[in-house]
Protein backbone atom coordinates (compact mmCIF):
# COMPACT_ATOMS: atom_id res chain seq x y z
CA MET A 1 0.30 -0.19 -0.02
CA GLU A 2 2.84 2.36 0.71
CA ARG A 3 4.36 1.75 -2.82
CA ASP A 4 0.85 2.43 -3.79
CA MET A 5 0.68 5.50 -2.34
CA LEU A 6 4.31 6.29 -3.10
CA ARG A 7 3.76 5.94 -7.43
CA ARG A 8 0.21 8.05 -7.06
CA LEU A 9 2.33 11.16 -5.29
CA PHE A 10 5.23 10.26 -7.98
CA GLY A 11 2.43 10.85 -10.79
CA LEU A 12 0.68 13.78 -9.63
CA LEU A 13 4.15 15.00 -8.97
CA ILE A 14 4.91 14.51 -12.73
CA LEU A 15 1.51 16.37 -13.66
CA ALA A 16 2.28 19.13 -11.66
CA VAL A 17 5.43 19.55 -13.45
CA LEU A 18 4.38 18.85 -16.71
CA ALA A 19 1.00 20.84 -16.84
CA PRO A 20 3.13 24.26 -16.95
CA LEU A 21 4.76 23.22 -19.99
CA ALA A 22 2.33 21.89 -21.35
CA SER A 23 0.00 24.85 -21.01
CA ALA A 24 3.27 27.39 -22.16
CA THR A 25 4.12 24.97 -24.91
CA ALA A 26 -0.11 24.80 -26.05
CA SER A 27 -0.15 29.09 -25.65
CA PRO A 28 0.38 31.17 -29.04
CA ILE A 29 3.48 32.34 -30.34
CA PRO A 30 3.30 36.19 -29.81
CA ILE A 31 4.63 37.89 -33.57
CA ALA A 32 4.57 41.81 -33.92
CA LEU A 33 5.16 43.47 -37.26
CA ARG A 34 6.69 46.87 -37.41
CA LEU A 35 7.33 48.18 -40.62
CA GLU A 36 9.66 51.03 -39.56
CA ARG A 37 10.69 52.62 -43.00
CA LEU A 38 10.23 52.83 -47.07
CA ASP A 39 14.18 54.66 -48.33
CA ALA A 40 14.72 54.47 -52.02
CA GLU A 41 18.16 53.60 -51.01
CA GLN A 42 18.31 51.54 -48.10
CA GLY A 43 15.04 49.85 -49.11
CA LEU A 44 12.39 48.40 -46.23
CA SER A 45 13.36 48.56 -42.88
CA LEU A 46 11.26 46.12 -40.50
CA SER A 47 11.22 44.50 -37.22
CA LEU A 48 10.04 41.45 -35.27
CA ARG A 49 9.54 40.71 -32.11
CA THR A 50 8.67 37.71 -30.70
CA ARG A 51 8.75 35.05 -27.71
CA GLY A 52 12.26 33.42 -28.05
CA ASP A 53 12.84 29.25 -28.16
CA SER A 54 12.26 27.29 -24.14
CA ASP A 55 15.72 26.29 -24.56
CA GLY A 56 17.34 29.38 -24.44
CA ARG A 57 18.33 28.76 -28.39
CA THR A 58 16.21 30.52 -31.49
CA THR A 59 17.27 30.68 -34.80
CA PHE A 60 15.14 32.67 -37.54
CA ALA A 61 15.24 32.67 -41.23
CA ASN A 62 12.95 33.28 -44.86
CA GLU A 63 12.46 30.84 -46.69
CA ASP A 64 15.20 30.27 -48.62
CA GLN A 65 13.71 28.41 -51.47
CA TRP A 66 9.77 29.00 -52.03
CA ALA A 67 8.23 28.25 -55.56
CA ASP A 68 10.56 28.96 -58.48
CA VAL A 69 12.65 31.66 -56.06
CA ARG A 70 16.05 30.33 -54.95
CA ASP A 71 18.55 31.52 -52.71
CA ALA A 72 15.89 33.66 -50.52
CA ARG A 73 18.13 34.52 -47.96
CA ARG A 74 20.44 36.38 -49.86
CA LEU A 75 17.84 39.31 -50.11
CA ILE A 76 17.54 40.08 -46.20
CA ARG A 77 20.42 42.53 -45.21
CA ASP A 78 21.67 43.55 -41.88
CA LEU A 79 20.01 41.30 -39.45
CA ARG A 80 20.30 41.84 -35.62
CA VAL A 81 18.46 40.48 -32.57
CA GLU A 82 17.96 42.44 -29.61
CA ASP A 83 16.34 41.36 -25.79
CA GLY A 84 13.81 42.27 -23.75
CA SER A 85 15.93 45.07 -22.78
CA GLY A 86 17.35 46.23 -26.27
CA ARG A 87 21.02 44.51 -25.32
CA ALA A 88 21.82 43.45 -28.97
CA LEU A 89 22.93 39.16 -28.47
CA SER A 90 25.12 37.75 -30.74
CA VAL A 91 24.31 36.24 -34.14
CA SER A 92 25.54 33.18 -35.77
CA GLN A 93 24.52 32.51 -39.31
CA ASP A 94 24.77 29.23 -41.83
CA ALA A 95 22.28 27.30 -44.55
CA SER A 96 19.77 27.12 -41.59
CA GLY A 97 19.00 30.83 -40.21
CA TRP A 98 20.50 33.11 -38.37
CA THR A 99 21.00 31.62 -34.53
CA VAL A 100 21.04 33.55 -31.14
CA ARG A 101 21.70 32.27 -27.49
CA HIS A 102 18.92 33.81 -24.37
CA ALA A 103 17.70 33.08 -21.61
CA PRO A 104 14.89 31.03 -22.00
CA GLY A 105 11.57 32.42 -24.00
CA GLN A 106 12.89 35.60 -23.57
CA PRO A 107 11.48 38.52 -24.95
CA LEU A 108 13.53 38.97 -28.60
CA THR A 109 12.95 41.56 -31.60
CA VAL A 110 14.96 41.06 -34.66
CA ARG A 111 15.81 43.56 -37.27
CA TYR A 112 17.08 43.43 -40.59
CA ARG A 113 15.92 45.78 -43.99
CA ILE A 114 15.51 44.35 -47.40
CA ALA A 115 17.12 45.91 -50.30
CA PRO A 116 15.71 48.11 -52.83
CA SER A 117 14.33 45.64 -55.71
CA GLY A 118 14.59 47.09 -59.16
CA ALA A 119 11.80 47.54 -61.37
CA SER A 120 10.02 44.51 -61.84
CA VAL A 121 10.56 42.84 -65.81
CA LEU A 122 8.31 41.01 -67.64
CA GLY A 123 9.46 37.31 -68.54
CA ALA A 124 12.43 37.42 -66.12
CA GLU A 125 13.22 34.90 -63.44
CA PRO A 126 11.93 34.40 -60.61
CA MET A 127 8.30 35.60 -61.43
CA ALA A 128 8.94 39.07 -59.79
CA VAL A 129 5.65 38.68 -57.05
CA HIS A 130 7.09 36.15 -56.12
CA ARG A 131 10.05 37.83 -54.42
CA PRO A 132 9.94 40.95 -52.26
CA ILE A 133 9.31 44.25 -54.20
CA VAL A 134 10.48 47.33 -52.79
CA GLN A 135 10.97 50.42 -55.42
CA ALA A 136 9.84 53.64 -56.05
CA GLY A 137 8.02 54.34 -52.46
CA MET A 138 6.33 51.03 -52.65
CA LEU A 139 6.36 47.46 -51.08
CA HIS A 140 4.78 44.21 -52.41
CA LEU A 141 5.75 41.23 -49.69
CA VAL A 142 4.86 37.44 -49.47
CA GLY A 143 5.87 35.80 -45.89
CA HIS A 144 6.98 33.30 -46.92
CA THR A 145 10.33 35.26 -48.76
CA ALA A 146 9.99 38.28 -46.57
CA LEU A 147 9.18 37.00 -43.22
CA VAL A 148 12.41 36.41 -41.06
CA LEU A 149 9.98 33.89 -38.44
CA PRO A 150 11.21 31.34 -35.55
CA THR A 151 12.29 27.89 -37.43
CA GLY A 152 11.37 26.07 -33.76
CA ALA A 153 7.52 26.71 -34.54
CA ARG A 154 5.31 24.43 -36.88
CA ASP A 155 3.28 25.54 -39.56
CA SER A 156 0.19 23.92 -37.53
CA ASP A 157 1.31 26.23 -34.88
CA THR A 158 -1.36 29.31 -33.72
CA ILE A 159 0.72 33.12 -33.84
CA ALA A 160 -0.71 36.06 -32.09
CA PHE A 161 -0.11 38.02 -34.68
CA GLU A 162 -0.60 41.98 -35.28
CA PHE A 163 1.04 44.69 -37.78
CA ASP A 164 1.64 48.44 -37.74
CA ALA A 165 2.80 49.72 -40.85
CA ARG A 166 2.22 53.11 -40.31
CA ALA A 167 5.66 54.40 -40.80
CA VAL A 168 5.37 54.00 -44.80
CA ALA A 169 1.98 54.50 -45.29
CA ASP A 170 -1.40 54.93 -44.17
CA ASP A 171 -4.85 53.83 -44.23
CA ALA A 172 -5.90 54.62 -47.58
CA HIS A 173 -2.39 53.34 -49.25
CA PHE A 174 -2.20 50.31 -47.47
CA ALA A 175 -3.76 46.23 -47.44
CA SER A 176 -2.96 42.86 -46.63
CA SER A 177 -4.31 39.55 -46.62
CA PHE A 178 -5.94 40.61 -43.23
CA GLY A 179 -7.82 43.08 -44.85
CA PRO A 180 -7.68 46.96 -45.69
CA GLY A 181 -6.03 49.30 -43.51
CA ALA A 182 -2.17 49.95 -42.24
CA ARG A 183 -2.60 48.65 -38.82
CA LEU A 184 -3.61 45.00 -37.49
CA ALA A 185 -4.47 44.56 -34.46
CA THR A 186 -3.62 40.81 -32.07
CA THR A 187 -5.86 38.58 -34.55
CA SER A 188 -4.63 34.28 -34.00
CA VAL A 189 -3.67 32.95 -37.32
CA GLN A 190 -1.40 29.49 -38.13
CA LEU A 191 2.05 29.72 -39.05
CA ALA A 192 1.58 28.55 -42.07
CA ARG A 193 -1.05 30.89 -43.13
CA LEU A 194 0.72 33.76 -41.82
CA ARG A 195 3.98 32.91 -44.24
CA ASN A 196 1.54 32.88 -46.79
CA SER A 197 -0.03 36.22 -46.79
CA LEU A 198 0.14 39.55 -49.05
CA PHE A 199 1.41 42.69 -47.48
CA ILE A 200 1.07 46.19 -49.93
CA GLY A 201 0.94 49.44 -49.13
CA GLY A 202 2.83 53.41 -50.09
CA ALA A 203 3.21 54.59 -53.55
CA ILE A 204 -0.43 52.43 -54.64
CA HIS A 205 -3.62 53.17 -55.64
CA LEU A 206 -6.15 51.01 -53.59
CA SER A 207 -10.04 50.41 -53.81
CA THR A 208 -12.34 48.45 -52.03
CA LEU A 209 -15.67 47.39 -53.66
CA ASP A 210 -18.24 46.21 -50.98
CA THR A 211 -20.03 43.27 -53.00
CA ARG A 212 -22.84 40.77 -51.17
CA ASP A 213 -20.42 38.79 -50.61
CA GLY A 214 -17.93 40.63 -48.85
CA LYS A 215 -15.22 42.99 -49.40
CA ILE A 216 -12.67 42.73 -52.27
CA GLY A 217 -9.10 45.04 -51.91
CA VAL A 218 -7.65 46.04 -55.04
CA ALA A 219 -4.09 46.88 -55.20
CA LEU A 220 -2.42 48.49 -57.72
CA SER A 221 1.57 49.96 -57.99
CA ALA A 222 3.31 50.58 -61.03
CA MET A 223 0.95 50.61 -63.54
CA ALA A 224 0.99 52.95 -65.85
CA PRO A 225 -1.88 56.39 -65.84
CA GLY A 226 -3.48 55.31 -68.75
CA PHE A 227 -4.92 51.95 -67.23
CA ASP A 228 -8.75 51.80 -66.63
CA ARG A 229 -8.28 50.71 -62.94
CA ARG A 230 -12.65 51.38 -63.44
CA ALA A 231 -12.83 48.78 -66.29
CA PHE A 232 -10.52 46.67 -64.15
CA ASP A 233 -12.73 47.00 -60.72
CA GLU A 234 -15.58 46.13 -62.99
CA ASP A 235 -14.00 42.79 -64.31
CA VAL A 236 -12.99 42.19 -60.34
CA ARG A 237 -16.53 41.96 -58.99
CA ALA A 238 -18.21 40.32 -62.34
CA VAL A 239 -15.57 37.30 -62.08
CA LEU A 240 -14.68 37.07 -59.25
CA GLY A 241 -18.43 36.80 -57.69
CA GLY A 242 -18.64 34.35 -60.29
CA VAL A 243 -15.83 31.96 -58.97
CA ARG A 244 -18.06 32.92 -55.59
CA ALA A 245 -20.95 31.45 -57.05
CA PHE A 246 -19.63 28.76 -58.43
CA TYR A 247 -18.04 27.60 -55.38
CA ARG A 248 -21.07 28.27 -53.70
CA ASP A 249 -19.53 30.81 -51.06
CA SER A 250 -18.51 33.81 -49.85
CA GLN A 251 -15.45 35.86 -48.15
CA PRO A 252 -15.59 38.64 -45.71
CA TRP A 253 -11.93 39.89 -47.84
CA PHE A 254 -9.84 39.62 -50.45
CA LEU A 255 -7.24 41.02 -51.81
CA ILE A 256 -6.06 41.61 -55.37
CA GLY A 257 -2.40 42.63 -56.22
CA LEU A 258 -1.89 44.08 -59.99
CA HIS A 259 1.74 45.29 -60.79
CA GLY A 260 3.26 46.92 -63.05
CA ALA A 261 6.33 45.92 -65.06
CA THR A 262 8.14 46.49 -68.06
CA GLY A 263 10.01 44.35 -70.84
CA GLY A 264 8.29 41.12 -72.05
CA GLU A 265 7.71 43.27 -75.68
CA GLU A 266 10.79 41.08 -77.34
CA LYS A 267 8.36 37.90 -76.11
CA GLY A 268 5.34 38.80 -76.78
CA ILE A 269 4.49 38.82 -73.02
CA ARG A 270 1.70 40.59 -71.83
CA ILE A 271 1.24 38.82 -68.10
CA GLY A 272 4.27 37.31 -66.56
CA GLY A 273 1.53 34.81 -64.39
CA GLY A 274 0.40 35.24 -60.13
CA THR A 275 0.11 32.93 -57.33
CA GLY A 276 -2.36 31.79 -55.04
CA LEU A 277 -1.94 33.38 -51.61
CA GLU A 278 -3.45 33.85 -48.37
CA ARG A 279 -7.10 35.97 -49.34
CA ALA A 280 -5.32 37.18 -51.37
CA PHE A 281 -3.71 36.58 -55.02
CA THR A 282 -0.99 38.74 -56.93
CA THR A 283 0.05 39.30 -60.13
CA TYR A 284 1.78 41.50 -62.46
CA ILE A 285 1.76 42.59 -66.26
CA ALA A 286 2.87 44.36 -68.19
CA ALA A 287 2.34 48.80 -66.85
CA ASP A 288 0.60 50.00 -69.97
CA TYR A 289 -1.71 46.94 -70.12
CA ASP A 290 -5.32 47.86 -72.22
CA LEU A 291 -8.27 46.76 -71.41
CA ARG A 292 -9.68 48.39 -74.51
CA ASP A 293 -8.59 45.34 -76.81
CA ARG A 294 -10.80 42.00 -76.50
CA ASP A 295 -7.73 39.96 -76.27
CA GLU A 296 -5.67 41.55 -73.75
CA ARG A 297 -9.05 42.07 -71.05
CA GLY A 298 -10.74 38.28 -72.05
CA LEU A 299 -6.93 37.27 -71.10
CA LEU A 300 -6.96 39.07 -67.83
CA ARG A 301 -10.50 38.20 -66.94
CA TRP A 302 -8.95 34.32 -67.19
CA LEU A 303 -5.93 35.00 -64.80
CA LEU A 304 -8.72 36.46 -61.91
CA ALA A 305 -10.65 33.83 -62.57
CA HIS A 306 -7.89 31.56 -62.49
CA GLU A 307 -5.85 32.49 -59.21
CA TYR A 308 -9.24 33.20 -57.14
CA SER A 309 -10.62 29.44 -58.15
CA HIS A 310 -6.84 28.35 -56.20
CA GLN A 311 -8.58 29.66 -52.60
CA TRP A 312 -11.23 26.61 -53.79
CA ILE A 313 -8.50 24.05 -55.37
CA GLY A 314 -5.70 24.36 -53.33
CA GLN A 315 -6.75 26.63 -50.59
CA THR A 316 -9.57 24.29 -49.00
CA LEU A 317 -8.42 21.49 -51.02
CA ARG A 318 -5.31 20.42 -50.34
CA LEU A 319 -2.58 18.70 -51.61
CA SER A 320 -0.40 16.05 -49.47
CA ILE A 321 2.00 14.07 -51.54
CA GLN A 322 3.77 11.25 -49.12
CA GLY A 323 3.47 14.39 -46.77
CA ASP A 324 6.16 16.54 -48.28
CA GLU A 325 5.37 19.77 -49.93
CA ARG A 326 8.68 19.62 -51.93
CA LYS A 327 6.40 16.66 -53.95
CA GLU A 328 3.27 18.96 -54.16
CA PRO A 329 4.08 19.49 -57.67
CA ARG A 330 3.42 15.53 -58.42
CA GLY A 331 -0.55 16.97 -58.39
CA TYR A 332 -0.24 20.13 -59.69
CA TRP A 333 -2.08 18.16 -62.67
CA PHE A 334 -4.88 18.60 -60.84
CA THR A 335 -4.58 21.71 -58.94
CA GLU A 336 -3.32 23.77 -62.09
CA GLY A 337 -5.06 21.87 -64.93
CA PHE A 338 -8.43 21.57 -63.16
CA THR A 339 -7.98 25.44 -62.34
CA GLU A 340 -8.08 26.03 -66.23
CA PHE A 341 -10.72 23.77 -66.41
CA PHE A 342 -12.92 25.95 -64.30
CA ALA A 343 -11.98 29.00 -64.94
CA VAL A 344 -12.47 29.41 -68.21
CA ARG A 345 -15.87 27.38 -67.67
CA VAL A 346 -16.85 29.59 -64.83
CA LEU A 347 -16.25 32.70 -67.46
CA THR A 348 -18.47 31.34 -70.15
CA ARG A 349 -21.38 30.58 -67.80
CA ALA A 350 -20.96 34.31 -66.41
CA GLY A 351 -21.36 35.58 -69.97
CA LEU A 352 -17.46 37.05 -69.87
CA PHE A 353 -16.33 34.94 -72.42
CA ASP A 354 -18.54 34.27 -75.34
CA SER A 355 -18.32 30.60 -77.07
CA ALA A 356 -15.55 32.00 -79.57
CA GLN A 357 -12.97 32.75 -76.45
CA ALA A 358 -13.87 29.27 -74.80
CA LEU A 359 -13.02 27.61 -78.15
CA ASP A 360 -10.16 29.62 -78.81
CA ALA A 361 -8.78 29.22 -74.83
CA PHE A 362 -10.06 25.30 -76.03
CA ASN A 363 -7.69 24.79 -78.80
CA GLU A 364 -4.74 26.76 -77.35
CA ARG A 365 -4.62 24.40 -74.57
CA ILE A 366 -4.61 21.31 -77.10
CA LEU A 367 -1.97 22.81 -79.29
CA ARG A 368 -0.07 24.16 -76.38
CA TYR A 369 0.29 20.41 -74.99
CA ASN A 370 1.51 19.49 -78.96
CA LEU A 371 4.03 21.18 -78.19
CA VAL A 372 5.47 20.12 -75.09
CA LYS A 373 7.96 18.16 -76.42
CA ARG A 374 8.45 15.16 -73.23
CA ARG A 375 4.81 14.67 -72.87
CA GLY A 376 5.80 10.80 -71.94
CA LEU A 377 7.14 12.66 -68.55
CA GLY A 378 5.19 11.21 -65.63
CA ALA A 379 3.27 13.25 -63.36
CA ASP A 380 5.78 12.69 -60.78
CA ALA A 381 9.24 13.26 -63.18
CA ALA A 382 6.86 16.36 -64.44
CA GLY A 383 6.38 17.70 -60.96
CA ASP A 384 9.73 17.31 -59.81
CA ARG A 385 10.96 19.69 -63.00
CA PHE A 386 8.27 22.84 -62.10
CA TRP A 387 10.12 25.19 -61.06
CA SER A 388 13.42 24.05 -62.80
CA ASP A 389 12.02 23.20 -66.46
CA PRO A 390 9.63 25.26 -68.32
CA ASP A 391 8.29 22.01 -70.46
CA ALA A 392 6.96 20.51 -67.20
CA GLU A 393 5.51 23.41 -65.91
CA GLN A 394 2.90 24.12 -69.24
CA LEU A 395 2.86 20.02 -69.65
CA LEU A 396 1.17 19.67 -65.86
CA TYR A 397 -0.93 22.60 -66.94
CA GLN A 398 -2.48 21.42 -70.15
CA ARG A 399 -2.18 17.66 -69.41
CA GLY A 400 -4.51 18.89 -66.21
CA TYR A 401 -6.74 20.51 -68.24
CA LEU A 402 -7.08 17.74 -70.64
CA ALA A 403 -7.76 15.55 -68.12
CA ALA A 404 -10.83 17.04 -67.00
CA TRP A 405 -12.05 17.47 -70.26
CA GLN A 406 -11.58 13.60 -70.83
CA ALA A 407 -13.71 13.28 -66.95
CA GLU A 408 -16.33 15.41 -68.40
CA LEU A 409 -17.01 13.63 -70.92
CA SER A 410 -16.52 9.97 -69.31
CA LEU A 411 -18.73 11.12 -66.61
CA ARG A 412 -21.64 12.74 -68.29
CA ARG A 413 -21.94 9.74 -71.22
CA ALA A 414 -21.77 6.71 -68.11
CA SER A 415 -24.79 9.18 -66.47
CA ASP A 416 -26.72 10.17 -69.10
CA GLY A 417 -25.74 13.44 -68.93
CA ARG A 418 -27.00 13.82 -64.92
CA ARG A 419 -23.46 14.01 -63.72
CA GLY A 420 -20.61 15.83 -64.48
CA LEU A 421 -17.43 17.02 -63.26
CA ASP A 422 -18.74 19.73 -61.20
CA ASP A 423 -20.33 17.58 -58.96
CA VAL A 424 -16.75 16.07 -58.30
CA LEU A 425 -15.11 19.22 -57.51
CA GLN A 426 -17.80 20.49 -55.55
CA ALA A 427 -17.87 17.35 -53.15
CA LEU A 428 -14.69 17.29 -52.70
CA ILE A 429 -14.43 20.96 -51.55
CA LEU A 430 -17.62 19.88 -49.21
CA LYS A 431 -15.68 17.68 -46.97
CA ALA A 432 -12.89 19.76 -47.02
CA ARG A 433 -14.37 22.43 -45.30
CA LYS A 434 -16.34 20.45 -43.45
CA GLN A 435 -12.84 18.43 -42.15
CA PRO A 436 -10.04 21.32 -42.11
CA ALA A 437 -7.48 18.88 -41.79
CA TYR A 438 -8.24 16.89 -45.29
CA ARG A 439 -6.03 15.98 -47.64
CA VAL A 440 -5.58 14.63 -50.88
CA ASP A 441 -2.90 13.01 -53.56
CA ASN A 442 -3.14 11.45 -56.21
CA PRO A 443 -4.21 7.83 -55.78
CA ALA A 444 -7.52 9.89 -53.83
CA LEU A 445 -8.53 11.92 -56.16
CA ILE A 446 -8.20 9.52 -59.16
CA ALA A 447 -10.25 7.59 -57.40
CA ALA A 448 -12.61 10.95 -56.50
CA ILE A 449 -12.86 11.64 -60.05
CA THR A 450 -12.97 7.65 -61.71
CA ALA A 451 -15.48 7.11 -59.50
CA GLY A 452 -18.68 6.33 -61.75
CA MET A 453 -16.51 6.27 -65.17
CA SER A 454 -16.85 2.90 -66.61
CA ALA A 455 -13.61 0.46 -66.31
CA GLY A 456 -12.17 1.85 -69.63
CA ASP A 457 -12.96 5.66 -68.89
CA ALA A 458 -11.24 5.13 -65.95
CA GLU A 459 -8.13 3.46 -66.43
CA VAL A 460 -7.62 6.01 -69.69
CA PHE A 461 -7.39 8.74 -66.56
CA ARG A 462 -5.52 7.19 -64.84
CA ARG A 463 -2.60 6.23 -67.22
CA PHE A 464 -3.01 9.95 -68.81
CA VAL A 465 -2.77 11.42 -65.93
CA LEU A 466 0.23 9.53 -64.21
CA ASP A 467 1.77 8.25 -66.87
CA GLY A 468 1.65 11.05 -69.77
CA GLY A 469 1.72 10.44 -73.68
CA GLU A 470 -0.64 11.80 -75.93
CA SER A 471 -3.99 13.45 -75.46
CA PRO A 472 -7.05 11.28 -74.74
CA LEU A 473 -9.60 13.46 -76.49
CA ARG A 474 -11.17 12.07 -80.14
CA ALA A 475 -12.57 14.20 -82.79
CA ALA A 476 -15.90 12.78 -82.19
CA ASP A 477 -16.04 13.28 -78.69
CA PHE A 478 -17.85 16.82 -78.57
CA ALA A 479 -20.54 16.28 -80.96
CA PRO A 480 -23.12 17.42 -81.25
CA CYS A 481 -21.77 21.50 -80.28
CA LEU A 482 -17.59 20.45 -81.81
CA SER A 483 -16.61 19.00 -84.47
CA GLY A 484 -12.57 18.44 -84.72
CA TYR A 485 -10.12 18.13 -87.11
CA VAL A 486 -6.69 17.48 -88.01
CA GLN A 487 -4.36 20.58 -88.55
CA GLY A 488 -2.43 20.08 -91.46
CA ASP A 489 0.59 22.17 -92.06
CA GLY A 490 2.17 23.16 -88.74
CA ALA A 491 0.37 25.23 -85.74
CA VAL A 492 -0.32 28.98 -84.73
CA LEU A 493 0.06 30.48 -81.04
CA ASP A 494 0.42 34.19 -80.44
CA GLY A 495 1.23 35.22 -84.04
CA ARG A 496 3.90 32.39 -84.24
CA ARG A 497 4.09 29.20 -86.51
CA PHE A 498 5.67 26.33 -84.70
CA ASP A 499 6.68 23.51 -86.95
CA VAL A 500 5.25 19.88 -85.83
CA ALA A 501 4.64 16.88 -87.25
CA PRO A 502 1.69 17.11 -90.39
CA GLY A 503 -1.75 15.22 -89.00
CA THR A 504 -1.28 15.48 -85.72
CA VAL A 505 -2.42 18.51 -84.11
CA LEU A 506 -6.20 17.93 -83.58
CA GLN A 507 -7.89 21.10 -83.45
CA TYR A 508 -12.16 21.76 -82.85
CA ARG A 509 -14.59 24.29 -84.81
CA ARG A 510 -18.29 25.08 -84.08
CA VAL A 511 -20.90 22.68 -85.97
CA ASP A 512 -23.05 25.04 -88.42
CA GLY A 513 -26.76 25.39 -86.37
CA ALA A 514 -25.43 23.97 -83.26
CA GLU A 515 -27.84 25.09 -80.02
CA ALA A 516 -25.51 22.74 -77.50
CA ASP A 517 -22.37 24.57 -76.13
CA CYS A 518 -19.93 22.73 -75.03
CA PHE A 519 -18.41 25.30 -72.96
CA LYS A 520 -21.60 25.54 -70.39
CA HIS A 521 -22.31 22.17 -69.04
C-alpha cells in the first residue's frame, strides 16, 4: 500500500511539473511586425518581436527556396537580434538561418532590411511577385520570402499576430491578407497562413469594392497612368462573383495585387504570372496593359478567374503528396490543370467569355500540349521538374486541362448527362470545408474523379494523368456542338508559327446550327 501511495504521489508530482510546460507549449506564439522605414536607397526596414524558444536557442529564417525563388536569404540585409532590454545579441549565420542564444523564453526583437528590388521585368526569373518588391516608394511582400520567422515553430502552431505599417503608409495606401489598413490588432492565425500572406503598401492605388459576398481590395502598383482602373474593378466584381457563385461560398475580405512591369516586348509577354495566397492573389502584367483590347481583357479575366479559384482548389482542398510539400507539384495536374478548366467554365457561364473565346482557349491548350516535347513524362517526374523546367510546367497545366475534359465527357456518358465534373469537385470542396485537416494525393484524387466512370475510361484517365502520353480526346468526343479536325501544316500560336508533324494536331470547330454549348455544361 505504501508503495502504491508513493507511485500516486510521484504521478501527481510529474503532472504538476508537466502541466505548466504543456500550457506554455500550447499558448500562442506572439509575433508583432513593424514596418519602420521605406527608403529609396536603403529599401524597407522592419522589425519582428516574438518570444525566444524555451531551450534558450532560437533560429530565425525566411524561406530560402519557395516557388521559383532560390537563395532568398540573400535578400535579407543587416539582420540583428535584441533581447527584451534592447541589448544586441551575438548572431551566427549558417544554412539554417540566423541563430541566437538567450534566456529561455525571453522576448526577442529581430531587425533587418530588404534592399531595393528595382523595376519588375516580364519574363525574368524568378517571377517578380514571388520575391519582395521594394521600389519607388512602394512595397509588395509575400510572407514566405519576406518574413524572418522562428524556425522552431510548426506550420500548425497558432500565432498571436499583429502588425503596424503606419510609419511607411497610411490606411488609404496599405492592405494585406488580413484586411485594409496599415495596422492590425492582435489576431490568431496559423503560422502556415502567416507565411502565405500578402502585404502591399506605399505608392499604390487602393480601392475597396463592397459586394454582397464580402469586400474586395484592389491594390495597383507601378501601373501606367492610362490603365483603366474602373474597367478592371468592373471585371473584378464580375469574375470573383462568378467564381464565388460556382463554389457556393463567400469571403469577408479578399485582396488582389496588380503590379506593373516592363520588358517582355520581344517575346510578346503581357502577363508575367500570378500566385494564390492567403485570402489574396497577386500578379504582374505590362504596366501599359490595355483593357480596351478584347484579347488583353479576356486574358486578364481568365487570370482573375484562375488565381481566385485557387482559394478552393489548393487553399481549401489541399494537396499532400507523401507528406512532403516539396513533392506537391506532382499533383499540379489537378490544382493547376483542373483550375484552368473551371476558370474558363465559370467565365463562359457568367457571360464574360463568349463561346468563341472559350473555343479559342480550348484549342490553344490542345496546341500547347502538343508543343511540349516530353509528353511522356509522368506526373512525378514532371512535378519534380516543375519549378526548374518550363516544359514540365506547361505539361502539367495542359495535361490537367485535357484530363479534366476527358473526365467530364466520361462522367456524362456514364450517367446519361446527369453527372459531371462539377459534382465531383463540389463534393471534394464540401468535404474539405467540413474537415479542415483533409488532404488529397494523386490516388485519392483519381479515385474520386473516376468513381462512376466505365472501367475503360477510368483506366485511360489514370494512365494519362500518371504516365503521360498523347491527349485522350478524339475528334467525335464533343458532338453535337463541336467537330474535330486535324491541322495539316504546322500550328500558329500567339501570332507565331510552330513546326509540328503534319496530321498530328487535333483542333475543334463549332458545328453549324448546333444549339448545344459544350462550354456551359
